[in-house]
Amino acid sequence: MFLGSGLLDLAQLRRDGIDVSLATDVGAGTSLSMLRTMGDAYKVCQLRGHSLSAMEAFAMSTLGNAQCLHLDQHIGNFEVGKEADFLMLDPNATDMASRRIGLSETIEDELFVMMTIGDERMVAATYIEGNLTRQ
């Protein structure tokens, strides 16, 4: 969207069997926040007639990235023996998010709120190799 070079057709890429993951790139965007990036991806998919679920967006941003880089045997989820760099998110970090999360009845809906109205303020802690580095 930032470059004005078109809208990714995620549904078509999937039909064609092309692996796609979700990551940030300030050179072609405006934020390093994965939550903001997921929100932008949701909007682009909506414009293309495809609804990107929160579960799909979070999977694309974690294990999906590891799979696309062929590193999923080492990273991407919390399986025993894998390296663990991860964030802890606070869904109540902003008043608006807290109000909307309060209406959620499922984890999928909570993740949807975080991906559509969340940002870096939701990052409560950062862990590198399983060790707390920022709180």
N, C-alpha and C. Protein backbone atom coordinates (compact mmCIF):
# COMPACT_ATOMS: atom_id res chain seq x y z
N MET A 1 0.83 -1.20 0.00
CA MET A 1 0.00 0.00 0.00
C MET A 1 0.88 1.25 0.00
N PHE A 2 1.94 1.22 0.79
CA PHE A 2 2.81 2.38 0.92
C PHE A 2 3.46 2.73 -0.42
N LEU A 3 3.91 1.73 -1.16
CA LEU A 3 4.56 1.97 -2.44
C LEU A 3 3.58 2.20 -3.57
N GLY A 4 2.31 1.82 -3.35
CA GLY A 4 1.30 1.98 -4.39
C GLY A 4 1.50 1.02 -5.55
N SER A 5 2.13 -0.10 -5.28
CA SER A 5 2.45 -1.04 -6.37
C SER A 5 1.45 -2.18 -6.51
N GLY A 6 0.34 -2.09 -5.81
CA GLY A 6 -0.68 -3.12 -5.95
C GLY A 6 -1.03 -3.78 -4.64
N LEU A 7 -2.07 -4.59 -4.68
CA LEU A 7 -2.55 -5.30 -3.50
C LEU A 7 -2.31 -6.79 -3.68
N LEU A 8 -1.61 -7.39 -2.75
CA LEU A 8 -1.29 -8.80 -2.81
C LEU A 8 -2.57 -9.64 -2.84
N ASP A 9 -2.62 -10.58 -3.74
CA ASP A 9 -3.76 -11.49 -3.83
C ASP A 9 -3.41 -12.78 -3.10
N LEU A 10 -3.56 -12.79 -1.79
CA LEU A 10 -3.21 -13.92 -0.95
C LEU A 10 -3.98 -15.17 -1.35
N ALA A 11 -5.26 -15.03 -1.59
CA ALA A 11 -6.08 -16.20 -1.96
C ALA A 11 -5.56 -16.85 -3.23
N GLN A 12 -5.18 -16.06 -4.23
CA GLN A 12 -4.66 -16.62 -5.49
C GLN A 12 -3.32 -17.30 -5.27
N LEU A 13 -2.45 -16.68 -4.50
CA LEU A 13 -1.16 -17.29 -4.22
C LEU A 13 -1.34 -18.64 -3.53
N ARG A 14 -2.29 -18.69 -2.61
CA ARG A 14 -2.57 -19.97 -1.93
C ARG A 14 -3.11 -21.01 -2.91
N ARG A 15 -4.02 -20.60 -3.80
CA ARG A 15 -4.55 -21.53 -4.80
C ARG A 15 -3.44 -22.06 -5.70
N ASP A 16 -2.44 -21.22 -5.96
CA ASP A 16 -1.31 -21.61 -6.80
C ASP A 16 -0.25 -22.42 -6.04
N GLY A 17 -0.50 -22.65 -4.74
CA GLY A 17 0.43 -23.45 -3.95
C GLY A 17 1.69 -22.73 -3.54
N ILE A 18 1.65 -21.41 -3.53
CA ILE A 18 2.82 -20.61 -3.17
C ILE A 18 2.77 -20.31 -1.67
N ASP A 19 3.86 -20.64 -0.98
CA ASP A 19 3.94 -20.35 0.45
C ASP A 19 4.08 -18.84 0.66
N VAL A 20 3.31 -18.32 1.59
CA VAL A 20 3.35 -16.90 1.90
C VAL A 20 3.41 -16.74 3.42
N SER A 21 4.26 -15.84 3.87
CA SER A 21 4.32 -15.53 5.29
C SER A 21 4.12 -14.02 5.45
N LEU A 22 4.16 -13.56 6.67
CA LEU A 22 3.84 -12.16 6.96
C LEU A 22 4.93 -11.56 7.83
N ALA A 23 5.58 -10.51 7.34
CA ALA A 23 6.65 -9.86 8.08
C ALA A 23 6.65 -8.37 7.76
N THR A 24 7.49 -7.62 8.45
CA THR A 24 7.56 -6.18 8.24
C THR A 24 8.78 -5.81 7.42
N ASP A 25 8.71 -4.65 6.81
CA ASP A 25 9.82 -4.12 6.03
C ASP A 25 9.61 -2.61 5.93
N VAL A 26 10.33 -1.85 6.73
CA VAL A 26 10.12 -0.40 6.72
C VAL A 26 10.52 0.21 5.38
N GLY A 27 11.40 -0.44 4.63
CA GLY A 27 11.76 0.05 3.31
C GLY A 27 10.55 0.12 2.38
N ALA A 28 9.58 -0.74 2.61
CA ALA A 28 8.37 -0.77 1.78
C ALA A 28 7.13 -0.57 2.63
N GLY A 29 7.29 0.03 3.78
CA GLY A 29 6.15 0.23 4.67
C GLY A 29 6.40 1.35 5.66
N THR A 30 5.62 1.34 6.72
CA THR A 30 5.70 2.46 7.67
C THR A 30 5.88 2.02 9.12
N SER A 31 6.02 0.72 9.37
CA SER A 31 6.07 0.26 10.75
C SER A 31 6.82 -1.06 10.86
N LEU A 32 7.48 -1.27 11.99
CA LEU A 32 8.07 -2.57 12.31
C LEU A 32 7.13 -3.40 13.18
N SER A 33 6.00 -2.84 13.56
CA SER A 33 5.05 -3.55 14.41
C SER A 33 4.35 -4.66 13.63
N MET A 34 4.51 -5.89 14.09
CA MET A 34 3.81 -7.01 13.44
C MET A 34 2.30 -6.87 13.60
N LEU A 35 1.83 -6.32 14.71
CA LEU A 35 0.39 -6.14 14.87
C LEU A 35 -0.14 -5.16 13.83
N ARG A 36 0.55 -4.06 13.62
CA ARG A 36 0.13 -3.10 12.58
C ARG A 36 0.19 -3.74 11.20
N THR A 37 1.23 -4.53 10.97
CA THR A 37 1.38 -5.21 9.69
C THR A 37 0.25 -6.20 9.47
N MET A 38 -0.13 -6.94 10.51
CA MET A 38 -1.27 -7.86 10.40
C MET A 38 -2.55 -7.09 10.08
N GLY A 39 -2.72 -5.94 10.73
CA GLY A 39 -3.89 -5.11 10.45
C GLY A 39 -3.93 -4.65 9.01
N ASP A 40 -2.77 -4.24 8.49
CA ASP A 40 -2.71 -3.83 7.08
C ASP A 40 -2.99 -5.01 6.16
N ALA A 41 -2.45 -6.18 6.50
CA ALA A 41 -2.70 -7.37 5.68
C ALA A 41 -4.19 -7.71 5.68
N TYR A 42 -4.84 -7.57 6.82
CA TYR A 42 -6.28 -7.82 6.90
C TYR A 42 -7.04 -6.89 5.95
N LYS A 43 -6.67 -5.61 5.97
CA LYS A 43 -7.35 -4.62 5.11
C LYS A 43 -7.14 -4.94 3.63
N VAL A 44 -5.90 -5.28 3.27
CA VAL A 44 -5.63 -5.61 1.87
C VAL A 44 -6.43 -6.83 1.44
N CYS A 45 -6.45 -7.85 2.30
CA CYS A 45 -7.22 -9.06 1.96
C CYS A 45 -8.70 -8.73 1.82
N GLN A 46 -9.23 -7.88 2.68
CA GLN A 46 -10.64 -7.48 2.58
C GLN A 46 -10.90 -6.80 1.23
N LEU A 47 -9.99 -5.92 0.83
CA LEU A 47 -10.15 -5.24 -0.46
C LEU A 47 -10.11 -6.21 -1.63
N ARG A 48 -9.40 -7.34 -1.46
CA ARG A 48 -9.29 -8.35 -2.50
C ARG A 48 -10.39 -9.40 -2.40
N GLY A 49 -11.32 -9.24 -1.44
CA GLY A 49 -12.43 -10.18 -1.31
C GLY A 49 -12.10 -11.44 -0.52
N HIS A 50 -11.01 -11.40 0.24
CA HIS A 50 -10.60 -12.55 1.06
C HIS A 50 -10.53 -12.09 2.50
N SER A 51 -11.13 -12.83 3.41
CA SER A 51 -11.09 -12.47 4.82
C SER A 51 -9.94 -13.20 5.50
N LEU A 52 -8.95 -12.47 5.95
CA LEU A 52 -7.79 -13.02 6.66
C LEU A 52 -8.15 -13.16 8.13
N SER A 53 -8.21 -14.38 8.62
CA SER A 53 -8.55 -14.59 10.03
C SER A 53 -7.35 -14.25 10.90
N ALA A 54 -7.63 -13.95 12.15
CA ALA A 54 -6.55 -13.66 13.10
C ALA A 54 -5.67 -14.88 13.30
N MET A 55 -6.26 -16.05 13.37
CA MET A 55 -5.48 -17.27 13.55
C MET A 55 -4.51 -17.45 12.37
N GLU A 56 -4.99 -17.17 11.17
CA GLU A 56 -4.15 -17.29 9.98
C GLU A 56 -3.04 -16.25 10.01
N ALA A 57 -3.35 -15.02 10.37
CA ALA A 57 -2.35 -13.95 10.40
C ALA A 57 -1.26 -14.24 11.43
N PHE A 58 -1.65 -14.67 12.62
CA PHE A 58 -0.65 -14.98 13.64
C PHE A 58 0.18 -16.20 13.23
N ALA A 59 -0.43 -17.19 12.60
CA ALA A 59 0.32 -18.36 12.12
C ALA A 59 1.30 -17.96 11.03
N MET A 60 0.88 -17.09 10.12
CA MET A 60 1.76 -16.61 9.05
C MET A 60 2.95 -15.83 9.61
N SER A 61 2.74 -15.16 10.76
CA SER A 61 3.76 -14.30 11.35
C SER A 61 4.74 -15.06 12.25
N THR A 62 4.42 -16.30 12.56
CA THR A 62 5.27 -17.09 13.47
C THR A 62 5.80 -18.31 12.73
N LEU A 63 5.11 -19.42 12.84
CA LEU A 63 5.53 -20.65 12.19
C LEU A 63 5.61 -20.48 10.67
N GLY A 64 4.71 -19.69 10.10
CA GLY A 64 4.73 -19.46 8.65
C GLY A 64 6.03 -18.83 8.18
N ASN A 65 6.53 -17.87 8.93
CA ASN A 65 7.82 -17.26 8.57
C ASN A 65 8.94 -18.28 8.68
N ALA A 66 8.92 -19.07 9.75
CA ALA A 66 9.96 -20.10 9.91
C ALA A 66 9.92 -21.10 8.77
N GLN A 67 8.72 -21.50 8.36
CA GLN A 67 8.59 -22.46 7.26
C GLN A 67 9.09 -21.87 5.95
N CYS A 68 8.75 -20.62 5.66
CA CYS A 68 9.20 -19.99 4.42
C CYS A 68 10.72 -19.86 4.38
N LEU A 69 11.35 -19.72 5.54
CA LEU A 69 12.80 -19.62 5.61
C LEU A 69 13.47 -20.99 5.78
N HIS A 70 12.66 -22.05 5.80
CA HIS A 70 13.14 -23.42 6.01
C HIS A 70 13.89 -23.54 7.33
N LEU A 71 13.40 -22.83 8.34
CA LEU A 71 13.99 -22.88 9.68
C LEU A 71 13.02 -23.43 10.72
N ASP A 72 11.90 -23.98 10.25
CA ASP A 72 10.85 -24.42 11.18
C ASP A 72 11.28 -25.59 12.07
N GLN A 73 12.37 -26.27 11.75
CA GLN A 73 12.86 -27.30 12.65
C GLN A 73 13.57 -26.69 13.86
N HIS A 74 13.88 -25.38 13.79
CA HIS A 74 14.58 -24.68 14.87
C HIS A 74 13.74 -23.62 15.57
N ILE A 75 12.84 -22.97 14.84
CA ILE A 75 12.07 -21.84 15.38
C ILE A 75 10.63 -21.89 14.87
N GLY A 76 9.80 -21.01 15.39
CA GLY A 76 8.45 -20.83 14.84
C GLY A 76 7.33 -21.20 15.77
N ASN A 77 7.62 -22.02 16.78
CA ASN A 77 6.60 -22.35 17.78
C ASN A 77 7.30 -22.79 19.06
N PHE A 78 6.53 -23.27 20.01
CA PHE A 78 7.08 -23.61 21.33
C PHE A 78 7.34 -25.11 21.51
N GLU A 79 7.59 -25.83 20.42
CA GLU A 79 7.92 -27.24 20.55
C GLU A 79 9.21 -27.40 21.35
N VAL A 80 9.27 -28.46 22.15
CA VAL A 80 10.45 -28.74 22.95
C VAL A 80 11.67 -28.85 22.06
N GLY A 81 12.75 -28.18 22.47
CA GLY A 81 14.00 -28.24 21.74
C GLY A 81 14.21 -27.10 20.76
N LYS A 82 13.17 -26.33 20.48
CA LYS A 82 13.33 -25.21 19.55
C LYS A 82 13.81 -23.97 20.28
N GLU A 83 14.49 -23.10 19.53
CA GLU A 83 14.89 -21.81 20.07
C GLU A 83 13.65 -20.98 20.32
N ALA A 84 13.71 -20.09 21.32
CA ALA A 84 12.51 -19.35 21.69
C ALA A 84 12.78 -17.86 21.84
N ASP A 85 12.49 -17.11 20.78
CA ASP A 85 12.42 -15.65 20.84
C ASP A 85 10.94 -15.32 20.72
N PHE A 86 10.38 -14.59 21.66
CA PHE A 86 8.95 -14.31 21.61
C PHE A 86 8.61 -13.07 22.42
N LEU A 87 7.40 -12.59 22.18
CA LEU A 87 6.86 -11.43 22.89
C LEU A 87 5.69 -11.89 23.75
N MET A 88 5.47 -11.19 24.83
CA MET A 88 4.23 -11.35 25.60
C MET A 88 3.41 -10.09 25.32
N LEU A 89 2.17 -10.30 24.92
CA LEU A 89 1.29 -9.18 24.57
C LEU A 89 0.29 -8.91 25.68
N ASP A 90 0.02 -7.64 25.90
CA ASP A 90 -1.00 -7.21 26.86
C ASP A 90 -2.19 -6.68 26.06
N PRO A 91 -3.26 -7.47 25.94
CA PRO A 91 -4.41 -7.03 25.14
C PRO A 91 -5.15 -5.84 25.74
N ASN A 92 -4.84 -5.50 26.98
CA ASN A 92 -5.49 -4.36 27.64
C ASN A 92 -4.59 -3.13 27.69
N ALA A 93 -3.60 -3.07 26.81
CA ALA A 93 -2.60 -1.99 26.86
C ALA A 93 -3.18 -0.61 26.56
N THR A 94 -4.24 -0.55 25.78
CA THR A 94 -4.87 0.74 25.48
C THR A 94 -6.33 0.69 25.89
N ASP A 95 -6.89 1.82 26.16
CA ASP A 95 -8.31 1.88 26.57
C ASP A 95 -9.22 1.28 25.51
N MET A 96 -9.00 1.63 24.25
CA MET A 96 -9.86 1.14 23.19
C MET A 96 -9.76 -0.39 23.07
N ALA A 97 -8.53 -0.91 23.10
CA ALA A 97 -8.36 -2.36 23.00
C ALA A 97 -8.98 -3.06 24.20
N SER A 98 -8.78 -2.51 25.37
CA SER A 98 -9.34 -3.11 26.58
C SER A 98 -10.86 -3.17 26.52
N ARG A 99 -11.48 -2.11 26.05
CA ARG A 99 -12.94 -2.10 25.92
C ARG A 99 -13.40 -3.15 24.93
N ARG A 100 -12.71 -3.24 23.79
CA ARG A 100 -13.11 -4.19 22.75
C ARG A 100 -12.81 -5.63 23.17
N ILE A 101 -11.67 -5.86 23.82
CA ILE A 101 -11.33 -7.20 24.32
C ILE A 101 -12.37 -7.66 25.34
N GLY A 102 -12.89 -6.71 26.11
CA GLY A 102 -13.92 -7.05 27.11
C GLY A 102 -15.17 -7.65 26.49
N LEU A 103 -15.40 -7.42 25.22
CA LEU A 103 -16.56 -7.97 24.52
C LEU A 103 -16.26 -9.32 23.85
N SER A 104 -15.00 -9.71 23.87
CA SER A 104 -14.59 -10.94 23.18
C SER A 104 -15.03 -12.17 23.97
N GLU A 105 -15.44 -13.18 23.21
CA GLU A 105 -15.84 -14.45 23.83
C GLU A 105 -14.93 -15.60 23.46
N THR A 106 -14.02 -15.39 22.49
CA THR A 106 -13.11 -16.45 22.06
C THR A 106 -11.71 -15.89 21.92
N ILE A 107 -10.73 -16.79 21.94
CA ILE A 107 -9.35 -16.38 21.72
C ILE A 107 -9.19 -15.83 20.31
N GLU A 108 -9.92 -16.40 19.35
CA GLU A 108 -9.84 -15.91 17.98
C GLU A 108 -10.27 -14.44 17.91
N ASP A 109 -11.31 -14.09 18.65
CA ASP A 109 -11.77 -12.70 18.64
C ASP A 109 -10.76 -11.79 19.34
N GLU A 110 -10.16 -12.26 20.42
CA GLU A 110 -9.14 -11.46 21.10
C GLU A 110 -7.95 -11.21 20.17
N LEU A 111 -7.52 -12.24 19.44
CA LEU A 111 -6.42 -12.07 18.49
C LEU A 111 -6.82 -11.12 17.37
N PHE A 112 -8.08 -11.19 16.93
CA PHE A 112 -8.56 -10.27 15.89
C PHE A 112 -8.47 -8.82 16.37
N VAL A 113 -8.87 -8.58 17.61
CA VAL A 113 -8.77 -7.23 18.18
C VAL A 113 -7.31 -6.78 18.19
N MET A 114 -6.42 -7.65 18.63
CA MET A 114 -5.01 -7.27 18.70
C MET A 114 -4.44 -6.98 17.31
N MET A 115 -4.85 -7.75 16.31
CA MET A 115 -4.28 -7.53 14.97
C MET A 115 -4.91 -6.33 14.26
N THR A 116 -6.10 -5.92 14.64
CA THR A 116 -6.73 -4.81 13.93
C THR A 116 -6.58 -3.47 14.63
N ILE A 117 -6.50 -3.46 15.95
CA ILE A 117 -6.32 -2.18 16.63
C ILE A 117 -5.10 -2.15 17.55
N GLY A 118 -4.33 -3.24 17.52
CA GLY A 118 -3.13 -3.31 18.36
C GLY A 118 -1.94 -2.65 17.71
N ASP A 119 -0.95 -2.37 18.53
CA ASP A 119 0.32 -1.83 18.06
C ASP A 119 1.39 -2.15 19.09
N GLU A 120 2.55 -1.52 18.93
CA GLU A 120 3.69 -1.82 19.80
C GLU A 120 3.43 -1.56 21.28
N ARG A 121 2.40 -0.80 21.62
CA ARG A 121 2.08 -0.58 23.03
C ARG A 121 1.61 -1.85 23.71
N MET A 122 1.20 -2.83 22.94
CA MET A 122 0.74 -4.11 23.51
C MET A 122 1.89 -5.03 23.91
N VAL A 123 3.11 -4.72 23.49
CA VAL A 123 4.25 -5.56 23.84
C VAL A 123 4.60 -5.33 25.31
N ALA A 124 4.30 -6.34 26.12
CA ALA A 124 4.54 -6.24 27.56
C ALA A 124 5.93 -6.74 27.96
N ALA A 125 6.46 -7.69 27.21
CA ALA A 125 7.78 -8.24 27.51
C ALA A 125 8.36 -8.88 26.25
N THR A 126 9.70 -8.87 26.19
CA THR A 126 10.42 -9.47 25.07
C THR A 126 11.38 -10.52 25.62
N TYR A 127 11.36 -11.71 25.03
CA TYR A 127 12.25 -12.79 25.41
C TYR A 127 13.12 -13.17 24.23
N ILE A 128 14.40 -13.29 24.46
CA ILE A 128 15.36 -13.74 23.46
C ILE A 128 16.03 -15.00 24.00
N GLU A 129 15.99 -16.06 23.20
CA GLU A 129 16.50 -17.37 23.62
C GLU A 129 15.89 -17.78 24.96
N GLY A 130 14.62 -17.43 25.15
CA GLY A 130 13.91 -17.81 26.36
C GLY A 130 14.17 -16.93 27.56
N ASN A 131 15.03 -15.92 27.42
CA ASN A 131 15.40 -15.04 28.54
C ASN A 131 14.74 -13.69 28.38
N LEU A 132 14.16 -13.19 29.48
CA LEU A 132 13.52 -11.87 29.47
C LEU A 132 14.58 -10.81 29.21
N THR A 133 14.34 -9.99 28.17
CA THR A 133 15.29 -8.92 27.85
C THR A 133 14.69 -7.53 28.02
N ARG A 134 13.35 -7.46 27.99
CA ARG A 134 12.68 -6.16 28.18
C ARG A 134 11.30 -6.39 28.75
N GLN A 135 10.99 -5.60 29.76
CA GLN A 135 9.65 -5.67 30.34
C GLN A 135 9.09 -4.29 30.49
